[in-house]
Amino acid sequence: MPKMKTDKGAKARFKVTGTGKLRRQHAFTSHLLEKKSSKRMRHLHQDVEVSSGDARRVRKLLGR
């Protein structure tokens, strides 16, 4: 049976922390920025943990 390949799109979007948690970036940070407040943008630029419902699927895409 051939090796499982990592999904390259998932590899670019998700990072695994040292403790095994999955991190992702927020959406809504690339355009139409004038109407978004500085506070909102500051919070959107912070990475966040992948929800438990999606984590299993993401792990599979990453080959973990």
N, C-alpha and C. Protein backbone atom coordinates (compact mmCIF):
# COMPACT_ATOMS: atom_id res chain seq x y z
N MET A 1 0.85 -1.19 0.00
CA MET A 1 0.00 0.00 0.00
C MET A 1 0.89 1.25 0.00
N PRO A 2 0.57 2.25 -0.83
CA PRO A 2 1.43 3.43 -0.90
C PRO A 2 1.33 4.30 0.36
N LYS A 3 2.34 5.14 0.52
CA LYS A 3 2.35 6.05 1.66
C LYS A 3 1.22 7.06 1.53
N MET A 4 0.73 7.54 2.68
CA MET A 4 -0.28 8.60 2.67
C MET A 4 0.41 9.92 2.41
N LYS A 5 -0.15 10.73 1.55
CA LYS A 5 0.44 12.03 1.26
C LYS A 5 -0.23 13.12 2.08
N THR A 6 0.57 14.06 2.54
CA THR A 6 0.05 15.22 3.26
C THR A 6 -0.69 16.12 2.28
N ASP A 7 -1.84 16.62 2.67
CA ASP A 7 -2.57 17.59 1.85
C ASP A 7 -1.83 18.92 1.95
N LYS A 8 -1.31 19.41 0.82
CA LYS A 8 -0.46 20.60 0.84
C LYS A 8 -1.23 21.86 1.21
N GLY A 9 -2.53 21.91 0.87
CA GLY A 9 -3.35 23.05 1.26
C GLY A 9 -3.52 23.11 2.78
N ALA A 10 -3.70 21.95 3.39
CA ALA A 10 -3.83 21.88 4.84
C ALA A 10 -2.51 22.20 5.51
N LYS A 11 -1.41 21.73 4.92
CA LYS A 11 -0.08 21.98 5.48
C LYS A 11 0.20 23.49 5.55
N ALA A 12 -0.29 24.23 4.56
CA ALA A 12 -0.07 25.68 4.53
C ALA A 12 -0.96 26.42 5.52
N ARG A 13 -2.11 25.84 5.85
CA ARG A 13 -3.10 26.54 6.67
C ARG A 13 -3.08 26.21 8.16
N PHE A 14 -2.54 25.06 8.51
CA PHE A 14 -2.59 24.61 9.90
C PHE A 14 -1.20 24.30 10.43
N LYS A 15 -0.99 24.58 11.71
CA LYS A 15 0.26 24.26 12.38
C LYS A 15 -0.05 23.40 13.60
N VAL A 16 0.83 22.45 13.90
CA VAL A 16 0.67 21.61 15.08
C VAL A 16 1.61 22.13 16.16
N THR A 17 1.08 22.38 17.35
CA THR A 17 1.89 22.89 18.45
C THR A 17 2.70 21.74 19.07
N GLY A 18 3.57 22.09 19.98
CA GLY A 18 4.39 21.08 20.64
C GLY A 18 3.58 20.09 21.43
N THR A 19 2.43 20.53 21.93
CA THR A 19 1.56 19.63 22.71
C THR A 19 0.56 18.89 21.84
N GLY A 20 0.61 19.11 20.52
CA GLY A 20 -0.25 18.37 19.60
C GLY A 20 -1.54 19.07 19.23
N LYS A 21 -1.74 20.31 19.72
CA LYS A 21 -2.94 21.05 19.35
C LYS A 21 -2.78 21.61 17.94
N LEU A 22 -3.91 21.86 17.28
CA LEU A 22 -3.90 22.41 15.93
C LEU A 22 -4.25 23.89 15.99
N ARG A 23 -3.46 24.72 15.29
CA ARG A 23 -3.69 26.16 15.26
C ARG A 23 -4.04 26.58 13.84
N ARG A 24 -4.87 27.61 13.75
CA ARG A 24 -5.23 28.17 12.44
C ARG A 24 -5.31 29.68 12.55
N GLN A 25 -5.37 30.35 11.40
CA GLN A 25 -5.52 31.80 11.39
C GLN A 25 -6.98 32.16 11.18
N HIS A 26 -7.34 33.37 11.59
CA HIS A 26 -8.69 33.87 11.37
C HIS A 26 -8.89 34.27 9.90
N ALA A 27 -10.13 34.26 9.47
CA ALA A 27 -10.49 34.77 8.15
C ALA A 27 -10.76 36.28 8.26
N PHE A 28 -11.12 36.90 7.16
CA PHE A 28 -11.51 38.32 7.09
C PHE A 28 -10.36 39.28 7.40
N THR A 29 -9.13 38.96 6.97
CA THR A 29 -8.01 39.84 7.25
C THR A 29 -7.30 40.35 6.00
N SER A 30 -7.85 40.08 4.81
CA SER A 30 -7.08 40.38 3.61
C SER A 30 -7.55 41.60 2.82
N HIS A 31 -8.82 41.94 2.87
CA HIS A 31 -9.28 43.10 2.11
C HIS A 31 -10.50 43.73 2.77
N LEU A 32 -10.94 44.87 2.26
CA LEU A 32 -12.03 45.66 2.86
C LEU A 32 -11.70 46.00 4.31
N LEU A 33 -10.47 46.48 4.53
CA LEU A 33 -9.98 46.67 5.89
C LEU A 33 -10.34 48.02 6.49
N GLU A 34 -10.72 49.00 5.67
CA GLU A 34 -10.98 50.35 6.18
C GLU A 34 -12.12 50.37 7.19
N LYS A 35 -13.12 49.53 6.96
CA LYS A 35 -14.29 49.54 7.83
C LYS A 35 -14.09 48.72 9.10
N LYS A 36 -13.02 47.94 9.16
CA LYS A 36 -12.77 47.11 10.34
C LYS A 36 -11.88 47.86 11.33
N SER A 37 -12.27 47.84 12.59
CA SER A 37 -11.55 48.61 13.60
C SER A 37 -10.18 47.99 13.89
N SER A 38 -9.29 48.80 14.44
CA SER A 38 -7.96 48.33 14.80
C SER A 38 -8.05 47.21 15.83
N LYS A 39 -8.96 47.37 16.78
CA LYS A 39 -9.14 46.35 17.81
C LYS A 39 -9.56 45.02 17.19
N ARG A 40 -10.50 45.09 16.26
CA ARG A 40 -10.97 43.88 15.59
C ARG A 40 -9.83 43.22 14.82
N MET A 41 -9.04 44.02 14.10
CA MET A 41 -7.95 43.47 13.32
C MET A 41 -6.86 42.87 14.21
N ARG A 42 -6.59 43.51 15.34
CA ARG A 42 -5.61 42.97 16.30
C ARG A 42 -6.02 41.57 16.76
N HIS A 43 -7.30 41.42 17.06
CA HIS A 43 -7.78 40.12 17.52
C HIS A 43 -7.82 39.09 16.39
N LEU A 44 -8.10 39.54 15.18
CA LEU A 44 -8.15 38.61 14.04
C LEU A 44 -6.76 38.11 13.66
N HIS A 45 -5.72 38.87 13.98
CA HIS A 45 -4.37 38.46 13.61
C HIS A 45 -3.79 37.41 14.55
N GLN A 46 -4.47 37.11 15.65
CA GLN A 46 -3.98 36.09 16.57
C GLN A 46 -4.45 34.71 16.11
N ASP A 47 -3.55 33.75 16.19
CA ASP A 47 -3.92 32.38 15.85
C ASP A 47 -4.89 31.82 16.89
N VAL A 48 -5.70 30.86 16.47
CA VAL A 48 -6.70 30.28 17.35
C VAL A 48 -6.69 28.76 17.16
N GLU A 49 -7.15 28.04 18.15
CA GLU A 49 -7.17 26.59 18.07
C GLU A 49 -8.31 26.12 17.15
N VAL A 50 -8.05 25.07 16.40
CA VAL A 50 -9.06 24.48 15.52
C VAL A 50 -10.16 23.86 16.39
N SER A 51 -11.41 24.04 16.00
CA SER A 51 -12.53 23.52 16.80
C SER A 51 -12.46 21.99 16.85
N SER A 52 -12.98 21.43 17.91
CA SER A 52 -12.90 19.99 18.13
C SER A 52 -13.61 19.21 17.02
N GLY A 53 -14.66 19.79 16.46
CA GLY A 53 -15.39 19.13 15.40
C GLY A 53 -14.60 19.01 14.11
N ASP A 54 -13.69 19.95 13.87
CA ASP A 54 -12.88 19.93 12.65
C ASP A 54 -11.52 19.29 12.85
N ALA A 55 -11.08 19.16 14.09
CA ALA A 55 -9.71 18.71 14.38
C ALA A 55 -9.42 17.33 13.79
N ARG A 56 -10.37 16.42 13.91
CA ARG A 56 -10.14 15.06 13.41
C ARG A 56 -9.91 15.06 11.90
N ARG A 57 -10.71 15.84 11.18
CA ARG A 57 -10.57 15.92 9.73
C ARG A 57 -9.24 16.56 9.33
N VAL A 58 -8.85 17.61 10.05
CA VAL A 58 -7.59 18.30 9.76
C VAL A 58 -6.41 17.37 10.01
N ARG A 59 -6.45 16.62 11.11
CA ARG A 59 -5.36 15.68 11.42
C ARG A 59 -5.19 14.66 10.29
N LYS A 60 -6.31 14.20 9.75
CA LYS A 60 -6.26 13.22 8.67
C LYS A 60 -5.60 13.83 7.43
N LEU A 61 -5.92 15.08 7.14
CA LEU A 61 -5.33 15.76 5.99
C LEU A 61 -3.83 15.96 6.16
N LEU A 62 -3.41 16.17 7.43
CA LEU A 62 -1.99 16.37 7.72
C LEU A 62 -1.24 15.05 7.85
N GLY A 63 -1.95 13.94 7.81
CA GLY A 63 -1.30 12.64 7.91
C GLY A 63 -0.88 12.30 9.32
N ARG A 64 -1.63 12.78 10.33
CA ARG A 64 -1.30 12.51 11.73
C ARG A 64 -2.35 11.65 12.38
